[in-house]
């Protein structure tokens, strides 16, 4: 079977995406939500640049589709690269074909995408399929969490046939990831954590909402954490015209207040408190200052965040993290259950 590249309008891209996504999800890929014409334009097509100030600013999008000899669109791939960034991203790769035919379509699309991305930046060092990608496709979690949606796939779903294609093409996993989910209707802070919060308060460490009259700047915490994504999420909210409540850990011990002119030191964050249109409780992450770790502040912050999101009407939370580690234990202790497994994938080009 021969395949030919075809150009699609935003409307055609949205329609093809919905059809191929339904077929691909039955084969093991994520169950992506349908896209509007406007969303397809914003996520896929190069004539609609990423917005200024966004994580994608300055990056060029690539969208490729293949049709069979009868003119039927059989597969698509999307990605993006920046002229000044040595890392390019693959957003999605899907086909409705199975077996060897599906493998052939995926390999042809991957090869064309690598050529296109390298054309944007000849100094490209690697391609990645990972959550850092500024183009995020919302997807529906599998049962028993099918009422829950997550704003982006953090990598390649473990059951996706594309995993085999990527391995043959020289891609390797660099991080196994687990997506967790939990309904919030019955969430209550565990008694053990309530006790830990009281113990921390006796030391002057509080889990509370940020108040500029009581607390100092976020900058020392963000500088210590070193995450551009967290800096964008926290400062973007704090500096907005109508900032949302932000759950923080604060050191308001007498010594710290005396040193900081009467204001507490922000030593951790989890937030802001936000309910998305689909009922999801927003989650940017948990960040604890290195000087304040091993005090249970991460668990306390996450518990307070869950309670706060429930209070503003969030129906559920979804999030992802590495398969092992402190974060996974925090989520599991809060009653979150694994919903899907993913792999963050990378292909080194030089």
Protein backbone atom coordinates (compact mmCIF):
# COMPACT_ATOMS: atom_id res chain seq x y z
CA UNK A 1 0.00 0.00 0.00
CA UNK A 2 1.32 3.43 -0.94
CA UNK A 3 0.63 6.54 1.12
CA UNK A 4 0.72 10.17 0.10
CA UNK A 5 1.06 13.28 2.29
CA UNK A 6 -2.00 15.50 2.24
CA UNK A 7 -2.73 19.01 3.50
CA UNK A 8 -5.69 19.55 5.82
CA UNK A 9 -7.56 22.67 6.86
CA UNK A 10 -8.30 23.22 10.54
CA UNK A 11 -11.84 21.89 10.06
CA UNK A 12 -10.56 18.81 8.23
CA UNK A 13 -7.84 18.27 10.84
CA UNK A 14 -10.42 18.30 13.65
CA UNK A 15 -12.63 15.83 11.80
CA UNK A 16 -9.78 13.47 10.92
CA UNK A 17 -8.40 13.68 14.45
CA UNK A 18 -11.76 12.62 15.92
CA UNK A 19 -12.07 9.66 13.54
CA UNK A 20 -8.50 8.42 13.91
CA UNK A 21 -8.53 8.98 17.68
CA UNK A 22 -11.56 6.72 18.09
CA UNK A 23 -9.85 3.95 16.14
CA UNK A 24 -6.47 4.44 17.83
CA UNK A 25 -7.96 4.38 21.34
CA UNK A 26 -9.51 1.00 20.63
CA UNK A 27 -6.00 -0.20 19.78
CA UNK A 28 -4.51 1.10 23.05
CA UNK A 29 -3.82 4.80 22.53
CA UNK A 30 -5.30 7.47 24.85
CA UNK A 31 -8.98 8.31 24.36
CA UNK A 32 -8.45 11.90 23.22
CA UNK A 33 -11.38 14.30 23.41
CA UNK A 34 -12.71 15.75 20.14
CA UNK A 35 -11.24 19.09 19.08
CA UNK A 36 -13.05 22.10 17.73
CA UNK A 37 -11.79 23.73 14.56
CA UNK A 38 -10.29 26.49 16.69
CA UNK A 39 -8.52 24.00 18.95
CA UNK A 40 -7.11 22.08 16.01
CA UNK A 41 -5.81 25.34 14.58
CA UNK A 42 -4.19 26.35 17.87
CA UNK A 43 -2.64 22.95 18.62
CA UNK A 44 -1.58 21.69 15.20
CA UNK A 45 -1.35 24.19 12.37
CA UNK A 46 1.73 26.38 11.81
CA UNK A 47 -0.23 29.42 10.60
CA UNK A 48 -1.50 29.94 14.17
CA UNK A 49 1.58 30.73 16.33
CA UNK A 50 1.69 29.86 20.02
CA UNK A 51 0.60 32.89 22.07
CA UNK A 52 3.22 35.37 23.32
CA UNK A 53 4.31 34.57 26.86
CA UNK A 54 3.22 30.93 26.62
CA UNK A 55 5.55 27.94 26.91
CA UNK A 56 5.32 27.56 23.13
CA UNK A 57 6.28 31.13 22.21
CA UNK A 58 8.75 31.12 19.34
CA UNK A 59 8.15 27.47 18.42
CA UNK A 60 6.91 26.31 15.02
CA UNK A 61 4.21 23.67 14.73
CA UNK A 62 4.32 20.78 12.27
CA UNK A 63 1.25 18.77 11.26
CA UNK A 64 1.46 15.91 8.78
CA UNK A 65 -1.16 13.50 7.48
CA UNK A 66 -1.05 10.53 5.12
CA UNK A 67 -3.75 9.23 2.77
CA UNK A 68 -3.99 5.83 1.09
CA UNK A 69 -4.46 5.25 -2.63
CA UNK A 70 -8.20 5.77 -2.25
CA UNK A 71 -7.71 9.19 -0.66
CA UNK A 72 -8.64 8.05 2.86
CA UNK A 73 -6.62 9.72 5.61
CA UNK A 74 -4.90 6.86 7.44
CA UNK A 75 -2.66 8.58 9.95
CA UNK A 76 -1.42 11.86 11.38
CA UNK A 77 1.41 13.23 13.46
CA UNK A 78 1.92 16.61 15.14
CA UNK A 79 4.89 18.23 16.81
CA UNK A 80 6.79 21.47 17.28
CA UNK A 81 10.33 22.84 17.44
CA UNK A 82 12.05 26.13 18.16
CA UNK A 83 14.92 27.62 16.22
CA UNK A 84 16.78 28.35 19.48
CA UNK A 85 15.88 25.14 21.36
CA UNK A 86 17.76 21.88 20.84
CA UNK A 87 14.68 19.82 21.84
CA UNK A 88 11.66 19.18 19.60
CA UNK A 89 8.39 17.60 20.73
CA UNK A 90 6.02 15.09 19.24
CA UNK A 91 2.45 15.79 20.33
CA UNK A 92 0.54 12.85 18.86
CA UNK A 93 1.00 9.97 16.41
CA UNK A 94 -1.99 7.90 15.39
CA UNK A 95 -3.39 5.67 12.66
CA UNK A 96 -6.51 3.60 12.19
CA UNK A 97 -4.54 0.78 10.56
CA UNK A 98 -3.51 -2.34 12.48
CA UNK A 99 -0.60 -4.76 12.35
CA UNK A 100 2.10 -4.29 9.72
CA UNK A 101 0.09 -1.66 7.86
CA UNK A 102 -0.24 0.44 10.99
CA UNK A 103 3.49 0.04 11.63
CA UNK A 104 4.28 1.26 8.11
CA UNK A 105 2.08 4.34 8.52
CA UNK A 106 3.62 5.23 11.89
CA UNK A 107 7.19 4.81 10.62
CA UNK A 108 6.52 6.95 7.56
CA UNK A 109 5.00 9.69 9.71
CA UNK A 110 7.87 9.60 12.22
CA UNK A 111 10.45 9.86 9.45
CA UNK A 112 8.67 12.82 7.87
CA UNK A 113 8.29 14.53 11.24
CA UNK A 114 11.99 14.15 12.05
CA UNK A 115 12.88 15.71 8.68
CA UNK A 116 10.45 18.60 9.20
CA UNK A 117 11.59 19.35 12.76
CA UNK A 118 15.26 19.19 11.78
CA UNK A 119 14.47 21.68 9.03
CA UNK A 120 13.21 24.14 11.64
CA UNK A 121 16.40 23.74 13.68
CA UNK A 122 19.37 22.02 11.99
CA UNK A 123 21.12 21.91 15.39
CA UNK A 124 18.35 19.82 16.92
CA UNK A 125 19.78 17.36 19.44
CA UNK A 126 16.75 15.32 20.41
CA UNK A 127 13.06 14.66 19.90
CA UNK A 128 10.86 14.02 22.90
CA UNK A 129 7.31 12.81 23.53
CA UNK A 130 6.76 14.13 27.03
CA UNK A 131 4.71 16.44 29.23
CA UNK A 132 6.99 19.46 28.67
CA UNK A 133 5.34 19.87 25.27
CA UNK A 134 3.44 23.20 25.08
CA UNK A 135 0.73 21.56 22.92
CA UNK A 136 -1.50 19.50 25.22
CA UNK A 137 -4.31 17.22 24.04
CA UNK A 138 -7.02 16.46 26.64
CA UNK A 139 -7.97 12.80 27.01
CA UNK A 140 -10.47 10.70 28.94
CA UNK A 141 -9.14 8.25 31.51
CA UNK A 142 -9.99 4.55 31.18
CA UNK A 143 -12.43 2.77 33.47
CA UNK A 144 -13.16 3.06 36.34
CA UNK A 145 -12.26 6.74 35.92
CA UNK A 146 -13.97 7.41 32.58
CA UNK A 147 -15.77 10.42 34.07
CA UNK A 148 -12.35 12.07 34.53
CA UNK A 149 -10.32 13.95 31.93
CA UNK A 150 -6.70 15.05 32.02
CA UNK A 151 -5.39 18.08 30.07
CA UNK A 152 -2.50 16.33 28.34
CA UNK A 153 -0.89 12.93 27.85
CA UNK A 154 2.43 12.96 29.78
CA UNK A 155 4.10 10.66 27.26
CA UNK A 156 3.23 7.54 25.29
CA UNK A 157 0.58 5.29 26.83
CA UNK A 158 2.04 1.90 27.71
CA UNK A 159 -0.64 0.10 25.69
CA UNK A 160 -0.21 2.27 22.57
CA UNK A 161 1.10 0.32 19.54
CA UNK A 162 3.28 3.37 18.84
CA UNK A 163 5.58 2.17 21.64
CA UNK A 164 6.89 -0.62 19.42
CA UNK A 165 7.33 1.71 16.46
CA UNK A 166 9.28 4.20 18.54
CA UNK A 167 11.61 1.48 19.86
CA UNK A 168 12.45 0.34 16.31
CA UNK A 169 13.04 3.97 15.32
CA UNK A 170 15.63 4.50 18.06
CA UNK A 171 13.49 6.08 20.77
CA UNK A 172 14.09 5.14 24.42
CA UNK A 173 12.13 5.59 27.63
CA UNK A 174 13.74 8.05 30.02
CA UNK A 175 10.98 8.21 32.64
CA UNK A 176 8.10 5.85 33.50
CA UNK A 177 5.02 7.82 34.57
CA UNK A 178 1.75 7.00 36.31
CA UNK A 179 -1.47 8.99 36.01
CA UNK A 180 -3.47 9.03 39.25
CA UNK A 181 -7.12 9.95 39.80
CA UNK A 182 -9.56 10.41 42.68
CA UNK A 183 -13.14 11.63 43.07
CA UNK A 184 -13.27 14.44 45.64
CA UNK A 185 -16.88 14.06 46.84
CA UNK A 186 -15.83 11.94 49.84
CA UNK A 187 -12.42 13.46 50.50
CA UNK A 188 -11.50 14.20 54.12
CA UNK A 189 -8.06 14.99 55.52
CA UNK A 190 -6.78 11.84 57.28
CA UNK A 191 -6.51 12.06 61.05
CA UNK A 192 -2.76 11.38 60.91
CA UNK A 193 -2.23 14.43 58.72
CA UNK A 194 -4.43 16.59 60.93
CA UNK A 195 -2.12 15.64 63.78
CA UNK A 196 0.96 16.44 61.69
CA UNK A 197 -0.48 19.86 60.82
CA UNK A 198 -0.91 20.61 64.52
CA UNK A 199 2.65 19.50 65.26
CA UNK A 200 4.01 21.72 62.49
CA UNK A 201 1.94 24.66 63.72
CA UNK A 202 3.62 24.32 67.11
CA UNK A 203 6.93 24.85 65.27
CA UNK A 204 5.53 27.87 63.46
CA UNK A 205 4.92 26.02 60.20
CA UNK A 206 1.42 26.52 58.78
CA UNK A 207 -0.53 25.13 55.83
CA UNK A 208 -2.73 28.01 54.73
CA UNK A 209 -3.82 30.28 51.91
CA UNK A 210 -1.34 32.88 50.73
CA UNK A 211 -1.94 36.38 52.08
CA UNK A 212 0.43 39.15 50.98
CA UNK A 213 -0.19 40.88 54.30
CA UNK A 214 1.12 37.84 56.20
CA UNK A 215 3.61 36.29 53.81
CA UNK A 216 6.65 37.37 51.88
CA UNK A 217 7.46 36.86 48.22
CA UNK A 218 7.27 33.55 46.33
CA UNK A 219 10.60 34.30 44.66
CA UNK A 220 12.99 32.70 47.20
CA UNK A 221 10.98 29.46 47.02
CA UNK A 222 10.78 29.49 43.22
CA UNK A 223 14.49 30.26 42.91
CA UNK A 224 15.29 27.29 45.14
CA UNK A 225 12.97 24.95 43.21
CA UNK A 226 14.33 25.99 39.81
CA UNK A 227 11.28 24.97 37.75
CA UNK A 228 10.25 27.28 34.91
CA UNK A 229 6.80 25.65 34.76
CA UNK A 230 6.17 26.21 38.47
CA UNK A 231 7.46 29.77 38.25
CA UNK A 232 5.03 30.42 35.39
CA UNK A 233 2.09 28.84 37.25
CA UNK A 234 2.73 30.55 40.60
CA UNK A 235 3.77 34.01 39.45
CA UNK A 236 1.26 34.02 36.60
CA UNK A 237 -1.47 33.63 39.19
CA UNK A 238 0.03 35.93 41.84
CA UNK A 239 0.60 38.76 39.36
CA UNK A 240 -2.79 38.50 37.64
CA UNK A 241 -5.51 41.10 38.14
CA UNK A 242 -7.65 38.62 40.09
CA UNK A 243 -5.36 35.97 41.58
CA UNK A 244 -6.90 32.68 42.68
CA UNK A 245 -6.34 31.46 46.26
CA UNK A 246 -2.94 29.74 46.55
CA UNK A 247 -2.32 27.00 49.11
CA UNK A 248 1.11 27.41 50.70
CA UNK A 249 3.30 26.22 53.55
CA UNK A 250 4.58 29.17 55.56
CA UNK A 251 7.20 29.53 58.26
CA UNK A 252 5.72 32.04 60.70
CA UNK A 253 7.92 31.14 63.64
CA UNK A 254 8.96 34.10 65.84
CA UNK A 255 12.54 33.91 64.53
CA UNK A 256 11.44 34.03 60.91
CA UNK A 257 8.96 36.85 61.49
CA UNK A 258 11.65 38.91 63.20
CA UNK A 259 14.07 38.30 60.33
CA UNK A 260 11.50 39.05 57.58
CA UNK A 261 9.96 42.22 58.92
CA UNK A 262 6.90 40.52 60.37
CA UNK A 263 6.09 38.40 57.30
CA UNK A 264 6.21 34.64 57.07
CA UNK A 265 8.55 32.82 54.72
CA UNK A 266 6.82 30.92 51.90
CA UNK A 267 8.45 27.48 52.09
CA UNK A 268 6.07 25.46 49.92
CA UNK A 269 3.13 25.66 47.54
CA UNK A 270 0.34 23.55 46.06
CA UNK A 271 -2.28 25.31 44.04
CA UNK A 272 -3.83 27.59 42.97
CA UNK A 273 -7.38 26.56 43.84
CA UNK A 274 -9.15 26.29 40.52
CA UNK A 275 -12.00 24.20 39.10
CA UNK A 276 -11.81 23.66 35.34
CA UNK A 277 -14.88 23.60 33.10
CA UNK A 278 -14.99 19.79 33.11
CA UNK A 279 -15.04 19.67 36.92
CA UNK A 280 -11.37 18.83 37.42
CA UNK A 281 -9.45 20.27 40.32
CA UNK A 282 -6.42 22.02 38.83
CA UNK A 283 -3.03 20.80 39.98
CA UNK A 284 0.27 22.51 39.16
CA UNK A 285 2.40 20.43 41.54
CA UNK A 286 3.81 20.41 45.06
CA UNK A 287 7.00 22.33 45.71
CA UNK A 288 8.82 22.38 49.05
CA UNK A 289 11.91 24.49 49.77
CA UNK A 290 14.95 22.23 50.27
CA UNK A 291 15.48 23.62 53.79
CA UNK A 292 11.98 22.50 54.85
CA UNK A 293 11.80 18.94 53.56
CA UNK A 294 11.29 15.79 55.67
CA UNK A 295 8.72 17.60 57.83
CA UNK A 296 5.63 16.20 56.13
CA UNK A 297 4.80 19.54 54.54
CA UNK A 298 4.23 17.99 51.12
CA UNK A 299 1.55 15.63 52.42
CA UNK A 300 -0.05 18.40 54.47
CA UNK A 301 -0.12 20.78 51.52
CA UNK A 302 -1.62 18.20 49.19
CA UNK A 303 -4.31 17.30 51.73
CA UNK A 304 -5.20 20.96 52.20
CA UNK A 305 -5.32 21.41 48.43
CA UNK A 306 -7.71 18.47 47.98
CA UNK A 307 -9.97 19.82 50.71
CA UNK A 308 -9.86 23.31 49.19
CA UNK A 309 -10.67 22.05 45.70
CA UNK A 310 -13.59 20.03 47.04
CA UNK A 311 -14.85 23.16 48.80
CA UNK A 312 -14.93 25.16 45.54
CA UNK A 313 -16.88 22.43 43.75
CA UNK A 314 -14.24 20.36 41.98
CA UNK A 315 -15.55 16.85 41.24
CA UNK A 316 -12.24 15.04 40.85
CA UNK A 317 -8.49 15.40 40.52
CA UNK A 318 -6.06 13.85 38.06
CA UNK A 319 -2.28 14.17 38.07
CA UNK A 320 0.83 12.27 37.08
CA UNK A 321 4.23 11.56 38.55
CA UNK A 322 7.14 9.16 38.34
CA UNK A 323 6.26 5.56 39.05
CA UNK A 324 8.23 5.52 42.29
CA UNK A 325 9.13 8.23 44.74
CA UNK A 326 7.87 10.59 47.41
CA UNK A 327 5.15 12.19 45.28
CA UNK A 328 3.59 8.83 44.39
CA UNK A 329 3.43 7.89 48.08
CA UNK A 330 1.77 11.21 48.95
CA UNK A 331 -0.93 10.69 46.33
CA UNK A 332 -1.59 7.07 47.26
CA UNK A 333 -1.92 7.95 50.95
CA UNK A 334 -4.55 10.52 49.93
CA UNK A 335 -6.63 7.79 48.27
CA UNK A 336 -5.52 8.36 44.67
CA UNK A 337 -5.35 5.26 42.50
CA UNK A 338 -3.28 4.55 39.37
CA UNK A 339 -5.39 5.09 36.25
CA UNK A 340 -2.89 4.71 33.37
CA UNK A 341 0.79 4.09 32.70
CA UNK A 342 2.89 6.18 30.33
CA UNK A 343 6.49 6.46 29.19
CA UNK A 344 8.30 9.72 28.56
CA UNK A 345 10.22 8.94 25.36
CA UNK A 346 13.27 10.43 23.68
CA UNK A 347 15.27 9.99 20.49
CA UNK A 348 18.77 11.46 20.44
CA UNK A 349 19.71 12.89 17.06
CA UNK A 350 23.31 13.84 17.78
